[in-house]
Amino acid sequence: MTAFTKVKTGSKFETSVSYSRAFVVGDWIFVSNTAGIDYSTRLMPESAGEQIRFALKNVAGALGAVGATLADVVRAQVFVPNMDDLDEVLAVLGETFRGIDPALTTTCSPLAGAYKAEIEVTAFRGTAEAHVEQIDVTLG
């Protein structure tokens, strides 16, 4: 039987909306859309770049709770409401995922309140240590 694990962080929204920060099925890890709040201070940085840094830190914490790291991320979806913030967010993602190279979707879509960037990831535990083949193709 496949093991299932739910990762909870104590967020009031996890309780009121009934969701998990991460849900693990075997070695697959699905991390919910995560904001860039510094949970130790409950403060949110003003810049989109710093928000995505904190969001990635929060995602890393959820992954770490189940024995995975950002190097195990195979897919990321990023939400940035303001096109003017896109380059700043993409620069942070480039630094973070360089050499990991997950499938990535970035969407400019509305977010609530002062949120300037959020991220959702899918990871496969063990990817960081696995042999990964790169295939270069020409499309079109």
N, C-alpha and C. Protein backbone atom coordinates (compact mmCIF):
# COMPACT_ATOMS: atom_id res chain seq x y z
N MET A 1 0.84 -1.17 0.00
CA MET A 1 0.00 0.00 0.00
C MET A 1 0.89 1.25 0.00
N THR A 2 0.55 2.23 -0.80
CA THR A 2 1.28 3.48 -0.88
C THR A 2 1.05 4.31 0.37
N ALA A 3 2.14 4.90 0.88
CA ALA A 3 2.03 5.77 2.05
C ALA A 3 1.68 7.18 1.61
N PHE A 4 0.86 7.84 2.39
CA PHE A 4 0.49 9.23 2.16
C PHE A 4 0.89 10.04 3.38
N THR A 5 1.45 11.22 3.15
CA THR A 5 1.84 12.09 4.26
C THR A 5 1.32 13.49 3.97
N LYS A 6 0.73 14.11 4.97
CA LYS A 6 0.28 15.49 4.87
C LYS A 6 1.19 16.35 5.73
N VAL A 7 1.73 17.42 5.15
CA VAL A 7 2.58 18.35 5.89
C VAL A 7 1.74 19.57 6.24
N LYS A 8 1.65 19.88 7.52
CA LYS A 8 0.89 21.03 8.00
C LYS A 8 1.86 22.00 8.68
N THR A 9 1.65 23.30 8.50
CA THR A 9 2.54 24.29 9.10
C THR A 9 1.86 25.13 10.17
N GLY A 10 0.60 24.88 10.40
CA GLY A 10 -0.12 25.66 11.40
C GLY A 10 -0.79 26.90 10.84
N SER A 11 -0.73 27.09 9.53
CA SER A 11 -1.38 28.24 8.91
C SER A 11 -2.88 28.18 9.18
N LYS A 12 -3.45 29.34 9.51
CA LYS A 12 -4.90 29.39 9.74
C LYS A 12 -5.67 29.00 8.49
N PHE A 13 -5.07 29.27 7.30
CA PHE A 13 -5.74 28.93 6.06
C PHE A 13 -5.74 27.43 5.81
N GLU A 14 -4.69 26.73 6.24
CA GLU A 14 -4.68 25.27 6.11
C GLU A 14 -5.86 24.67 6.87
N THR A 15 -6.19 25.26 8.00
CA THR A 15 -7.31 24.78 8.80
C THR A 15 -8.64 25.21 8.20
N SER A 16 -8.80 26.50 7.91
CA SER A 16 -10.10 26.99 7.45
C SER A 16 -10.46 26.51 6.06
N VAL A 17 -9.46 26.33 5.19
CA VAL A 17 -9.73 25.90 3.81
C VAL A 17 -9.57 24.39 3.66
N SER A 18 -9.00 23.74 4.67
CA SER A 18 -8.79 22.28 4.69
C SER A 18 -7.83 21.82 3.60
N TYR A 19 -6.59 22.31 3.67
CA TYR A 19 -5.56 21.84 2.75
C TYR A 19 -4.26 21.62 3.50
N SER A 20 -3.31 21.01 2.83
CA SER A 20 -1.99 20.74 3.40
C SER A 20 -0.95 21.58 2.68
N ARG A 21 0.09 22.02 3.38
CA ARG A 21 1.20 22.73 2.74
C ARG A 21 1.82 21.83 1.69
N ALA A 22 1.97 20.56 2.04
CA ALA A 22 2.48 19.58 1.08
C ALA A 22 1.73 18.27 1.28
N PHE A 23 1.59 17.54 0.20
CA PHE A 23 0.96 16.22 0.23
C PHE A 23 1.91 15.28 -0.47
N VAL A 24 2.26 14.19 0.20
CA VAL A 24 3.25 13.26 -0.31
C VAL A 24 2.59 11.93 -0.63
N VAL A 25 2.83 11.46 -1.86
CA VAL A 25 2.34 10.16 -2.31
C VAL A 25 3.56 9.38 -2.77
N GLY A 26 4.00 8.42 -1.99
CA GLY A 26 5.24 7.71 -2.31
C GLY A 26 6.39 8.70 -2.31
N ASP A 27 7.09 8.83 -3.43
CA ASP A 27 8.19 9.79 -3.54
C ASP A 27 7.76 11.11 -4.20
N TRP A 28 6.51 11.21 -4.62
CA TRP A 28 6.01 12.46 -5.21
C TRP A 28 5.59 13.40 -4.10
N ILE A 29 5.99 14.67 -4.22
CA ILE A 29 5.67 15.69 -3.23
C ILE A 29 5.02 16.87 -3.94
N PHE A 30 3.81 17.20 -3.55
CA PHE A 30 3.07 18.30 -4.14
C PHE A 30 2.96 19.41 -3.10
N VAL A 31 3.61 20.54 -3.36
CA VAL A 31 3.61 21.65 -2.41
C VAL A 31 2.63 22.71 -2.88
N SER A 32 1.72 23.09 -1.99
CA SER A 32 0.69 24.08 -2.30
C SER A 32 1.30 25.44 -2.62
N ASN A 33 0.50 26.27 -3.28
CA ASN A 33 0.91 27.64 -3.58
C ASN A 33 1.40 28.29 -2.29
N THR A 34 2.60 28.84 -2.32
CA THR A 34 3.26 29.33 -1.12
C THR A 34 3.68 30.78 -1.28
N ALA A 35 3.33 31.59 -0.30
CA ALA A 35 3.64 33.02 -0.32
C ALA A 35 4.98 33.29 0.35
N GLY A 36 5.47 34.49 0.14
CA GLY A 36 6.76 34.90 0.67
C GLY A 36 6.68 35.60 2.00
N ILE A 37 6.05 34.99 2.96
CA ILE A 37 5.96 35.54 4.31
C ILE A 37 7.09 34.95 5.15
N ASP A 38 7.72 35.80 5.94
CA ASP A 38 8.70 35.32 6.92
C ASP A 38 7.88 34.85 8.12
N TYR A 39 7.70 33.54 8.25
CA TYR A 39 6.81 33.02 9.28
C TYR A 39 7.37 33.22 10.69
N SER A 40 8.67 33.47 10.83
CA SER A 40 9.22 33.71 12.16
C SER A 40 8.83 35.10 12.67
N THR A 41 8.64 36.06 11.77
CA THR A 41 8.26 37.42 12.17
C THR A 41 6.84 37.79 11.75
N ARG A 42 6.24 36.96 10.90
CA ARG A 42 4.92 37.22 10.31
C ARG A 42 4.91 38.44 9.40
N LEU A 43 6.10 38.86 8.93
CA LEU A 43 6.21 40.01 8.04
C LEU A 43 6.41 39.54 6.61
N MET A 44 5.98 40.38 5.67
CA MET A 44 6.15 40.08 4.26
C MET A 44 7.00 41.19 3.65
N PRO A 45 8.09 40.83 2.98
CA PRO A 45 8.92 41.86 2.34
C PRO A 45 8.11 42.63 1.30
N GLU A 46 8.57 43.84 1.01
CA GLU A 46 7.85 44.67 0.03
C GLU A 46 8.17 44.31 -1.41
N SER A 47 9.40 43.87 -1.70
CA SER A 47 9.76 43.61 -3.10
C SER A 47 9.37 42.20 -3.51
N ALA A 48 9.03 42.06 -4.77
CA ALA A 48 8.66 40.76 -5.32
C ALA A 48 9.83 39.78 -5.24
N GLY A 49 11.05 40.27 -5.46
CA GLY A 49 12.22 39.40 -5.38
C GLY A 49 12.41 38.82 -4.00
N GLU A 50 12.26 39.64 -2.97
CA GLU A 50 12.40 39.14 -1.60
C GLU A 50 11.23 38.25 -1.22
N GLN A 51 10.04 38.55 -1.74
CA GLN A 51 8.90 37.67 -1.46
C GLN A 51 9.13 36.28 -2.04
N ILE A 52 9.65 36.21 -3.27
CA ILE A 52 9.86 34.87 -3.85
C ILE A 52 11.00 34.16 -3.13
N ARG A 53 12.00 34.89 -2.64
CA ARG A 53 13.07 34.26 -1.83
C ARG A 53 12.48 33.61 -0.58
N PHE A 54 11.60 34.34 0.13
CA PHE A 54 10.98 33.77 1.32
C PHE A 54 10.04 32.63 0.96
N ALA A 55 9.33 32.75 -0.15
CA ALA A 55 8.46 31.66 -0.59
C ALA A 55 9.28 30.40 -0.84
N LEU A 56 10.43 30.55 -1.50
CA LEU A 56 11.30 29.41 -1.76
C LEU A 56 11.85 28.83 -0.46
N LYS A 57 12.15 29.69 0.51
CA LYS A 57 12.60 29.23 1.82
C LYS A 57 11.49 28.41 2.49
N ASN A 58 10.25 28.89 2.38
CA ASN A 58 9.12 28.17 2.95
C ASN A 58 8.89 26.83 2.25
N VAL A 59 9.02 26.81 0.94
CA VAL A 59 8.90 25.57 0.18
C VAL A 59 10.01 24.60 0.60
N ALA A 60 11.23 25.11 0.72
CA ALA A 60 12.36 24.27 1.14
C ALA A 60 12.09 23.66 2.52
N GLY A 61 11.47 24.43 3.41
CA GLY A 61 11.14 23.90 4.73
C GLY A 61 10.12 22.77 4.66
N ALA A 62 9.11 22.93 3.82
CA ALA A 62 8.11 21.87 3.65
C ALA A 62 8.75 20.62 3.04
N LEU A 63 9.60 20.82 2.03
CA LEU A 63 10.29 19.68 1.41
C LEU A 63 11.21 19.00 2.42
N GLY A 64 11.93 19.79 3.19
CA GLY A 64 12.85 19.24 4.18
C GLY A 64 12.15 18.38 5.22
N ALA A 65 10.91 18.71 5.54
CA ALA A 65 10.15 17.94 6.52
C ALA A 65 9.90 16.51 6.06
N VAL A 66 9.99 16.27 4.75
CA VAL A 66 9.74 14.92 4.22
C VAL A 66 10.98 14.37 3.50
N GLY A 67 12.16 14.89 3.86
CA GLY A 67 13.41 14.33 3.34
C GLY A 67 13.74 14.70 1.91
N ALA A 68 13.30 15.87 1.47
CA ALA A 68 13.60 16.33 0.11
C ALA A 68 14.18 17.74 0.18
N THR A 69 14.67 18.22 -0.95
CA THR A 69 15.23 19.57 -1.04
C THR A 69 14.73 20.24 -2.31
N LEU A 70 15.09 21.50 -2.48
CA LEU A 70 14.74 22.19 -3.72
C LEU A 70 15.38 21.51 -4.94
N ALA A 71 16.47 20.79 -4.74
CA ALA A 71 17.11 20.07 -5.84
C ALA A 71 16.26 18.90 -6.34
N ASP A 72 15.22 18.55 -5.60
CA ASP A 72 14.30 17.48 -6.02
C ASP A 72 13.10 18.01 -6.80
N VAL A 73 13.01 19.34 -6.96
CA VAL A 73 11.87 19.94 -7.66
C VAL A 73 11.94 19.60 -9.15
N VAL A 74 10.83 19.08 -9.67
CA VAL A 74 10.75 18.74 -11.09
C VAL A 74 9.81 19.67 -11.86
N ARG A 75 8.98 20.42 -11.13
CA ARG A 75 8.04 21.34 -11.76
C ARG A 75 7.74 22.48 -10.81
N ALA A 76 7.69 23.70 -11.34
CA ALA A 76 7.34 24.87 -10.54
C ALA A 76 6.36 25.74 -11.31
N GLN A 77 5.38 26.26 -10.59
CA GLN A 77 4.44 27.23 -11.15
C GLN A 77 4.56 28.48 -10.31
N VAL A 78 4.81 29.61 -10.97
CA VAL A 78 5.04 30.87 -10.29
C VAL A 78 3.97 31.86 -10.72
N PHE A 79 3.47 32.61 -9.75
CA PHE A 79 2.41 33.58 -10.00
C PHE A 79 2.91 34.96 -9.61
N VAL A 80 2.91 35.88 -10.56
CA VAL A 80 3.38 37.25 -10.35
C VAL A 80 2.32 38.18 -10.94
N PRO A 81 1.62 38.95 -10.13
CA PRO A 81 0.55 39.77 -10.68
C PRO A 81 1.00 40.96 -11.52
N ASN A 82 2.17 41.51 -11.24
CA ASN A 82 2.61 42.72 -11.92
C ASN A 82 3.78 42.41 -12.86
N MET A 83 3.58 42.64 -14.14
CA MET A 83 4.64 42.38 -15.14
C MET A 83 5.94 43.12 -14.80
N ASP A 84 5.84 44.27 -14.15
CA ASP A 84 7.03 45.04 -13.78
C ASP A 84 7.91 44.30 -12.79
N ASP A 85 7.36 43.33 -12.07
CA ASP A 85 8.11 42.55 -11.08
C ASP A 85 8.70 41.26 -11.66
N LEU A 86 8.34 40.94 -12.89
CA LEU A 86 8.70 39.66 -13.47
C LEU A 86 10.20 39.42 -13.56
N ASP A 87 10.96 40.38 -14.06
CA ASP A 87 12.41 40.19 -14.19
C ASP A 87 13.07 39.92 -12.85
N GLU A 88 12.63 40.63 -11.82
CA GLU A 88 13.19 40.45 -10.47
C GLU A 88 12.92 39.04 -9.96
N VAL A 89 11.70 38.56 -10.15
CA VAL A 89 11.32 37.22 -9.71
C VAL A 89 12.07 36.16 -10.51
N LEU A 90 12.14 36.33 -11.83
CA LEU A 90 12.84 35.36 -12.67
C LEU A 90 14.32 35.29 -12.33
N ALA A 91 14.93 36.40 -11.95
CA ALA A 91 16.34 36.39 -11.56
C ALA A 91 16.56 35.51 -10.32
N VAL A 92 15.67 35.62 -9.34
CA VAL A 92 15.77 34.79 -8.13
C VAL A 92 15.55 33.32 -8.48
N LEU A 93 14.58 33.05 -9.33
CA LEU A 93 14.33 31.66 -9.74
C LEU A 93 15.54 31.10 -10.48
N GLY A 94 16.16 31.92 -11.34
CA GLY A 94 17.35 31.49 -12.06
C GLY A 94 18.49 31.13 -11.12
N GLU A 95 18.70 31.93 -10.09
CA GLU A 95 19.73 31.63 -9.09
C GLU A 95 19.41 30.34 -8.35
N THR A 96 18.17 30.19 -7.95
CA THR A 96 17.76 29.05 -7.12
C THR A 96 17.77 27.74 -7.90
N PHE A 97 17.27 27.76 -9.12
CA PHE A 97 17.09 26.52 -9.86
C PHE A 97 18.18 26.24 -10.89
N ARG A 98 19.24 27.05 -10.92
CA ARG A 98 20.34 26.82 -11.87
C ARG A 98 20.92 25.42 -11.64
N GLY A 99 20.95 24.62 -12.68
CA GLY A 99 21.45 23.26 -12.59
C GLY A 99 20.39 22.24 -12.21
N ILE A 100 19.30 22.70 -11.65
CA ILE A 100 18.17 21.83 -11.32
C ILE A 100 17.23 21.78 -12.52
N ASP A 101 16.97 22.96 -13.09
CA ASP A 101 16.22 23.11 -14.34
C ASP A 101 14.87 22.39 -14.36
N PRO A 102 13.99 22.67 -13.40
CA PRO A 102 12.67 22.02 -13.45
C PRO A 102 11.82 22.59 -14.58
N ALA A 103 10.77 21.89 -14.94
CA ALA A 103 9.77 22.47 -15.83
C ALA A 103 9.18 23.66 -15.08
N LEU A 104 8.99 24.78 -15.78
CA LEU A 104 8.59 26.02 -15.11
C LEU A 104 7.49 26.73 -15.89
N THR A 105 6.46 27.14 -15.18
CA THR A 105 5.42 27.98 -15.74
C THR A 105 5.34 29.24 -14.90
N THR A 106 5.39 30.39 -15.55
CA THR A 106 5.24 31.67 -14.86
C THR A 106 4.02 32.36 -15.44
N THR A 107 3.12 32.77 -14.57
CA THR A 107 1.87 33.38 -14.99
C THR A 107 1.70 34.73 -14.30
N CYS A 108 1.32 35.73 -15.05
CA CYS A 108 0.97 37.02 -14.47
C CYS A 108 -0.53 36.99 -14.19
N SER A 109 -0.86 36.79 -12.92
CA SER A 109 -2.26 36.68 -12.53
C SER A 109 -2.45 37.37 -11.19
N PRO A 110 -3.67 37.80 -10.90
CA PRO A 110 -3.92 38.52 -9.65
C PRO A 110 -3.64 37.65 -8.43
N LEU A 111 -3.13 38.27 -7.37
CA LEU A 111 -2.98 37.64 -6.07
C LEU A 111 -3.65 38.55 -5.05
N ALA A 112 -3.99 38.01 -3.92
CA ALA A 112 -4.68 38.79 -2.89
C ALA A 112 -3.73 39.76 -2.19
N GLY A 113 -4.24 40.90 -1.81
CA GLY A 113 -3.51 41.83 -0.96
C GLY A 113 -2.15 42.26 -1.48
N ALA A 114 -1.16 42.24 -0.59
CA ALA A 114 0.19 42.73 -0.90
C ALA A 114 1.10 41.66 -1.48
N TYR A 115 0.53 40.51 -1.82
CA TYR A 115 1.34 39.43 -2.38
C TYR A 115 1.81 39.80 -3.78
N LYS A 116 3.12 39.70 -4.01
CA LYS A 116 3.69 40.05 -5.30
C LYS A 116 4.25 38.85 -6.05
N ALA A 117 4.39 37.72 -5.37
CA ALA A 117 4.89 36.51 -6.01
C ALA A 117 4.57 35.31 -5.12
N GLU A 118 4.14 34.23 -5.73
CA GLU A 118 3.89 32.99 -5.03
C GLU A 118 4.37 31.84 -5.91
N ILE A 119 4.65 30.69 -5.29
CA ILE A 119 5.16 29.54 -6.04
C ILE A 119 4.53 28.25 -5.53
N GLU A 120 4.31 27.34 -6.46
CA GLU A 120 3.80 26.00 -6.18
C GLU A 120 4.76 25.04 -6.85
N VAL A 121 5.15 23.96 -6.18
CA VAL A 121 6.09 23.03 -6.81
C VAL A 121 5.64 21.59 -6.68
N THR A 122 6.18 20.78 -7.58
CA THR A 122 6.08 19.33 -7.50
C THR A 122 7.51 18.81 -7.45
N ALA A 123 7.76 17.91 -6.54
CA ALA A 123 9.10 17.34 -6.40
C ALA A 123 9.01 15.83 -6.41
N PHE A 124 10.11 15.20 -6.76
CA PHE A 124 10.22 13.74 -6.69
C PHE A 124 11.43 13.44 -5.82
N ARG A 125 11.18 12.87 -4.65
CA ARG A 125 12.25 12.60 -3.69
C ARG A 125 13.32 11.70 -4.31
N GLY A 126 14.57 12.17 -4.26
CA GLY A 126 15.68 11.41 -4.81
C GLY A 126 16.20 11.96 -6.13
N THR A 127 15.48 12.90 -6.73
CA THR A 127 15.92 13.47 -8.00
C THR A 127 17.31 14.08 -7.89
N ALA A 128 17.60 14.72 -6.76
CA ALA A 128 18.90 15.40 -6.58
C ALA A 128 20.07 14.44 -6.72
N GLU A 129 19.90 13.19 -6.32
CA GLU A 129 20.98 12.21 -6.39
C GLU A 129 20.93 11.34 -7.65
N ALA A 130 19.87 11.45 -8.42
CA ALA A 130 19.69 10.58 -9.58
C ALA A 130 20.51 11.06 -10.77
N HIS A 131 20.85 10.13 -11.65
CA HIS A 131 21.46 10.50 -12.92
C HIS A 131 20.36 11.08 -13.80
N VAL A 132 20.56 12.29 -14.27
CA VAL A 132 19.56 12.94 -15.12
C VAL A 132 20.20 13.20 -16.48
N GLU A 133 19.56 12.70 -17.50
CA GLU A 133 20.03 12.90 -18.87
C GLU A 133 19.40 14.17 -19.44
N GLN A 134 20.17 14.96 -20.11
CA GLN A 134 19.66 16.15 -20.79
C GLN A 134 19.64 15.88 -22.29
N ILE A 135 18.52 16.15 -22.90
CA ILE A 135 18.37 16.00 -24.34
C ILE A 135 18.07 17.37 -24.93
N ASP A 136 18.89 17.84 -25.84
CA ASP A 136 18.65 19.12 -26.50
C ASP A 136 17.97 18.87 -27.82
N VAL A 137 16.85 19.57 -28.05
CA VAL A 137 16.09 19.42 -29.29
C VAL A 137 15.83 20.78 -29.90
N THR A 138 15.53 20.79 -31.17
CA THR A 138 15.11 22.00 -31.84
C THR A 138 13.63 21.86 -32.13
N LEU A 139 12.85 22.80 -31.67
CA LEU A 139 11.41 22.76 -31.89
C LEU A 139 11.05 23.72 -33.02
N GLY A 140 10.01 23.37 -33.72
CA GLY A 140 9.52 24.28 -34.73
C GLY A 140 9.56 23.81 -36.08
